Amino acid sequence: MTTNAASRQLFTELKSGDRIEIEHEVKVGSSKTWTTKTVGTVMHTERRRQGLHFRRNTDDKVFADMIVLKPYDGELTTITMDEFTELRRA
């Protein structure tokens, strides 16, 4: 199973209270990529409809998988899953 497929599978299995580690890439400019990790407790997951796309058909629905988690510092953080997100249990 590829990393992306394993992350997608784990996303479907997440429950509130699970401890996870998320590693994701942030593209900076046209040539740099930063990798960052976020560790915390899952508050909930959701599939959120996006409305930020330019010139899309009105019935063209676009969704994003989101994880709302609470890191060590106690603030809530929302992370959007994409093909560069690696998700694993902490």
N, C-alpha and C. Protein backbone atom coordinates (compact mmCIF):
# COMPACT_ATOMS: atom_id res chain seq x y z
N MET A 1 0.85 -1.17 0.00
CA MET A 1 0.00 0.00 0.00
C MET A 1 0.90 1.24 0.00
N THR A 2 0.61 2.18 -0.87
CA THR A 2 1.40 3.40 -0.94
C THR A 2 1.13 4.26 0.29
N THR A 3 2.02 5.21 0.52
CA THR A 3 1.87 6.10 1.68
C THR A 3 0.55 6.86 1.61
N ASN A 4 0.20 7.37 0.42
CA ASN A 4 -1.03 8.12 0.26
C ASN A 4 -2.24 7.23 0.53
N ALA A 5 -2.22 6.01 0.03
CA ALA A 5 -3.34 5.09 0.26
C ALA A 5 -3.44 4.72 1.74
N ALA A 6 -2.31 4.51 2.39
CA ALA A 6 -2.31 4.20 3.82
C ALA A 6 -2.85 5.38 4.63
N SER A 7 -2.47 6.59 4.25
CA SER A 7 -2.96 7.79 4.94
C SER A 7 -4.46 7.94 4.77
N ARG A 8 -4.96 7.69 3.56
CA ARG A 8 -6.40 7.78 3.29
C ARG A 8 -7.17 6.75 4.11
N GLN A 9 -6.62 5.53 4.18
CA GLN A 9 -7.26 4.47 4.96
C GLN A 9 -7.31 4.85 6.44
N LEU A 10 -6.20 5.36 6.96
CA LEU A 10 -6.16 5.77 8.37
C LEU A 10 -7.13 6.92 8.63
N PHE A 11 -7.25 7.85 7.68
CA PHE A 11 -8.18 8.96 7.83
C PHE A 11 -9.61 8.45 8.05
N THR A 12 -10.01 7.42 7.31
CA THR A 12 -11.37 6.89 7.45
C THR A 12 -11.57 6.20 8.79
N GLU A 13 -10.48 5.75 9.43
CA GLU A 13 -10.57 5.03 10.71
C GLU A 13 -10.44 5.94 11.93
N LEU A 14 -10.09 7.21 11.74
CA LEU A 14 -9.85 8.10 12.88
C LEU A 14 -11.11 8.35 13.69
N LYS A 15 -10.92 8.42 15.02
CA LYS A 15 -12.00 8.75 15.94
C LYS A 15 -11.50 9.86 16.86
N SER A 16 -12.44 10.55 17.46
CA SER A 16 -12.09 11.59 18.42
C SER A 16 -11.28 10.98 19.56
N GLY A 17 -10.16 11.64 19.91
CA GLY A 17 -9.30 11.15 20.98
C GLY A 17 -8.07 10.40 20.49
N ASP A 18 -8.03 10.03 19.20
CA ASP A 18 -6.84 9.34 18.64
C ASP A 18 -5.65 10.28 18.61
N ARG A 19 -4.46 9.79 18.94
CA ARG A 19 -3.23 10.57 18.84
C ARG A 19 -2.61 10.29 17.48
N ILE A 20 -2.31 11.34 16.71
CA ILE A 20 -1.75 11.16 15.38
C ILE A 20 -0.57 12.10 15.15
N GLU A 21 0.20 11.76 14.14
CA GLU A 21 1.30 12.61 13.66
C GLU A 21 1.06 12.83 12.18
N ILE A 22 1.10 14.08 11.76
CA ILE A 22 0.88 14.44 10.37
C ILE A 22 2.15 15.10 9.85
N GLU A 23 2.66 14.58 8.75
CA GLU A 23 3.81 15.19 8.09
C GLU A 23 3.32 15.68 6.73
N HIS A 24 3.53 16.97 6.48
CA HIS A 24 3.05 17.52 5.21
C HIS A 24 4.06 18.49 4.62
N GLU A 25 3.97 18.65 3.32
CA GLU A 25 4.88 19.53 2.59
C GLU A 25 4.22 20.87 2.34
N VAL A 26 5.02 21.91 2.46
CA VAL A 26 4.57 23.27 2.16
C VAL A 26 5.43 23.79 1.03
N LYS A 27 4.81 24.13 -0.09
CA LYS A 27 5.55 24.65 -1.24
C LYS A 27 5.81 26.13 -1.04
N VAL A 28 7.07 26.52 -1.19
CA VAL A 28 7.47 27.92 -1.01
C VAL A 28 8.06 28.39 -2.33
N GLY A 29 7.36 29.31 -2.98
CA GLY A 29 7.84 29.78 -4.28
C GLY A 29 7.76 28.67 -5.31
N SER A 30 8.64 28.73 -6.30
CA SER A 30 8.61 27.74 -7.37
C SER A 30 9.65 26.64 -7.20
N SER A 31 10.57 26.80 -6.24
CA SER A 31 11.65 25.82 -6.18
C SER A 31 11.90 25.21 -4.80
N LYS A 32 11.25 25.70 -3.75
CA LYS A 32 11.53 25.18 -2.41
C LYS A 32 10.31 24.46 -1.84
N THR A 33 10.58 23.46 -1.02
CA THR A 33 9.55 22.73 -0.31
C THR A 33 9.99 22.55 1.13
N TRP A 34 9.13 22.90 2.06
CA TRP A 34 9.40 22.67 3.47
C TRP A 34 8.57 21.50 3.93
N THR A 35 9.13 20.68 4.80
CA THR A 35 8.38 19.59 5.40
C THR A 35 8.18 19.92 6.87
N THR A 36 6.96 19.76 7.35
CA THR A 36 6.66 20.06 8.74
C THR A 36 5.83 18.94 9.35
N LYS A 37 5.93 18.78 10.67
CA LYS A 37 5.17 17.76 11.39
C LYS A 37 4.25 18.43 12.40
N THR A 38 3.07 17.86 12.53
CA THR A 38 2.11 18.30 13.54
C THR A 38 1.66 17.06 14.29
N VAL A 39 1.75 17.10 15.60
CA VAL A 39 1.34 15.97 16.44
C VAL A 39 0.25 16.47 17.38
N GLY A 40 -0.81 15.67 17.52
CA GLY A 40 -1.88 16.09 18.43
C GLY A 40 -2.96 15.05 18.57
N THR A 41 -4.03 15.44 19.24
CA THR A 41 -5.18 14.58 19.49
C THR A 41 -6.32 15.00 18.56
N VAL A 42 -6.91 14.02 17.87
CA VAL A 42 -8.00 14.30 16.93
C VAL A 42 -9.23 14.76 17.71
N MET A 43 -9.78 15.89 17.31
CA MET A 43 -11.05 16.37 17.87
C MET A 43 -12.19 15.82 17.01
N HIS A 44 -12.07 16.00 15.68
CA HIS A 44 -13.01 15.39 14.74
C HIS A 44 -12.44 15.51 13.32
N THR A 45 -13.02 14.73 12.42
CA THR A 45 -12.68 14.80 11.00
C THR A 45 -13.95 15.20 10.25
N GLU A 46 -13.76 15.79 9.10
CA GLU A 46 -14.92 16.18 8.29
C GLU A 46 -14.52 16.29 6.83
N ARG A 47 -15.52 16.19 5.99
CA ARG A 47 -15.35 16.44 4.56
C ARG A 47 -16.07 17.75 4.28
N ARG A 48 -15.32 18.79 3.98
CA ARG A 48 -15.86 20.13 3.84
C ARG A 48 -15.94 20.51 2.37
N ARG A 49 -17.08 21.08 1.99
CA ARG A 49 -17.25 21.54 0.62
C ARG A 49 -16.48 22.84 0.43
N GLN A 50 -15.75 22.94 -0.66
CA GLN A 50 -14.94 24.12 -0.95
C GLN A 50 -15.68 25.02 -1.93
N GLY A 51 -15.56 26.32 -1.73
CA GLY A 51 -16.19 27.27 -2.63
C GLY A 51 -15.20 28.31 -3.12
N LEU A 52 -13.92 28.00 -3.04
CA LEU A 52 -12.89 28.98 -3.36
C LEU A 52 -12.35 28.86 -4.78
N HIS A 53 -12.94 28.01 -5.58
CA HIS A 53 -12.38 27.75 -6.90
C HIS A 53 -12.90 28.74 -7.93
N PHE A 54 -12.04 29.20 -8.76
CA PHE A 54 -12.34 30.23 -9.72
C PHE A 54 -12.95 29.62 -10.98
N ARG A 55 -14.07 30.21 -11.43
CA ARG A 55 -14.73 29.83 -12.68
C ARG A 55 -15.06 28.33 -12.77
N ARG A 56 -15.67 27.82 -11.74
CA ARG A 56 -16.12 26.43 -11.78
C ARG A 56 -17.60 26.42 -12.08
N ASN A 57 -18.06 25.32 -12.62
CA ASN A 57 -19.47 25.15 -12.88
C ASN A 57 -20.22 25.15 -11.54
N THR A 58 -21.42 25.68 -11.51
CA THR A 58 -22.15 25.81 -10.24
C THR A 58 -22.50 24.47 -9.62
N ASP A 59 -22.64 23.41 -10.41
CA ASP A 59 -22.96 22.10 -9.82
C ASP A 59 -21.73 21.21 -9.68
N ASP A 60 -20.55 21.77 -9.88
CA ASP A 60 -19.30 21.02 -9.74
C ASP A 60 -18.86 21.09 -8.28
N LYS A 61 -19.11 20.01 -7.55
CA LYS A 61 -18.83 20.01 -6.12
C LYS A 61 -17.39 19.59 -5.85
N VAL A 62 -16.67 20.37 -5.04
CA VAL A 62 -15.30 20.08 -4.67
C VAL A 62 -15.24 19.97 -3.16
N PHE A 63 -14.69 18.85 -2.68
CA PHE A 63 -14.62 18.60 -1.24
C PHE A 63 -13.17 18.41 -0.82
N ALA A 64 -12.90 18.69 0.46
CA ALA A 64 -11.58 18.46 1.04
C ALA A 64 -11.75 17.74 2.37
N ASP A 65 -10.88 16.77 2.62
CA ASP A 65 -10.88 16.06 3.89
C ASP A 65 -10.08 16.87 4.90
N MET A 66 -10.69 17.16 6.06
CA MET A 66 -10.06 18.00 7.08
C MET A 66 -9.96 17.23 8.39
N ILE A 67 -8.89 17.52 9.12
CA ILE A 67 -8.70 16.98 10.46
C ILE A 67 -8.57 18.16 11.41
N VAL A 68 -9.42 18.21 12.42
CA VAL A 68 -9.30 19.22 13.47
C VAL A 68 -8.66 18.51 14.65
N LEU A 69 -7.49 19.02 15.07
CA LEU A 69 -6.80 18.38 16.18
C LEU A 69 -6.29 19.40 17.17
N LYS A 70 -5.97 18.88 18.35
CA LYS A 70 -5.46 19.72 19.43
C LYS A 70 -4.02 19.30 19.71
N PRO A 71 -3.04 20.13 19.32
CA PRO A 71 -1.64 19.83 19.62
C PRO A 71 -1.34 20.02 21.11
N TYR A 72 -0.07 19.85 21.46
CA TYR A 72 0.35 19.97 22.86
C TYR A 72 0.03 21.33 23.47
N ASP A 73 0.08 22.39 22.67
CA ASP A 73 -0.13 23.74 23.21
C ASP A 73 -1.60 24.04 23.51
N GLY A 74 -2.52 23.16 23.10
CA GLY A 74 -3.93 23.32 23.43
C GLY A 74 -4.78 24.07 22.42
N GLU A 75 -4.16 24.71 21.43
CA GLU A 75 -4.94 25.42 20.41
C GLU A 75 -5.44 24.44 19.37
N LEU A 76 -6.64 24.69 18.83
CA LEU A 76 -7.17 23.83 17.78
C LEU A 76 -6.51 24.17 16.46
N THR A 77 -6.17 23.13 15.70
CA THR A 77 -5.52 23.29 14.40
C THR A 77 -6.30 22.48 13.37
N THR A 78 -6.53 23.06 12.19
CA THR A 78 -7.20 22.35 11.12
C THR A 78 -6.19 22.07 10.02
N ILE A 79 -6.12 20.81 9.60
CA ILE A 79 -5.20 20.41 8.54
C ILE A 79 -6.00 19.78 7.42
N THR A 80 -5.74 20.23 6.20
CA THR A 80 -6.39 19.69 5.03
C THR A 80 -5.53 18.59 4.43
N MET A 81 -6.12 17.43 4.21
CA MET A 81 -5.39 16.31 3.62
C MET A 81 -5.23 16.55 2.12
N ASP A 82 -4.03 16.27 1.60
CA ASP A 82 -3.80 16.28 0.17
C ASP A 82 -2.83 15.15 -0.17
N GLU A 83 -2.40 15.10 -1.41
CA GLU A 83 -1.53 13.99 -1.84
C GLU A 83 -0.14 14.04 -1.22
N PHE A 84 0.23 15.14 -0.59
CA PHE A 84 1.54 15.27 0.04
C PHE A 84 1.49 15.08 1.55
N THR A 85 0.33 14.71 2.09
CA THR A 85 0.14 14.55 3.53
C THR A 85 0.37 13.10 3.91
N GLU A 86 1.22 12.91 4.91
CA GLU A 86 1.49 11.56 5.43
C GLU A 86 0.94 11.51 6.85
N LEU A 87 0.03 10.59 7.09
CA LEU A 87 -0.67 10.49 8.35
C LEU A 87 -0.32 9.17 9.02
N ARG A 88 0.02 9.21 10.32
CA ARG A 88 0.29 7.98 11.07
C ARG A 88 -0.09 8.17 12.53
N ARG A 89 -0.31 7.06 13.20
CA ARG A 89 -0.65 7.11 14.63
C ARG A 89 0.60 7.45 15.43
N ALA A 90 0.42 8.27 16.47
CA ALA A 90 1.55 8.67 17.32
C ALA A 90 1.71 7.71 18.48
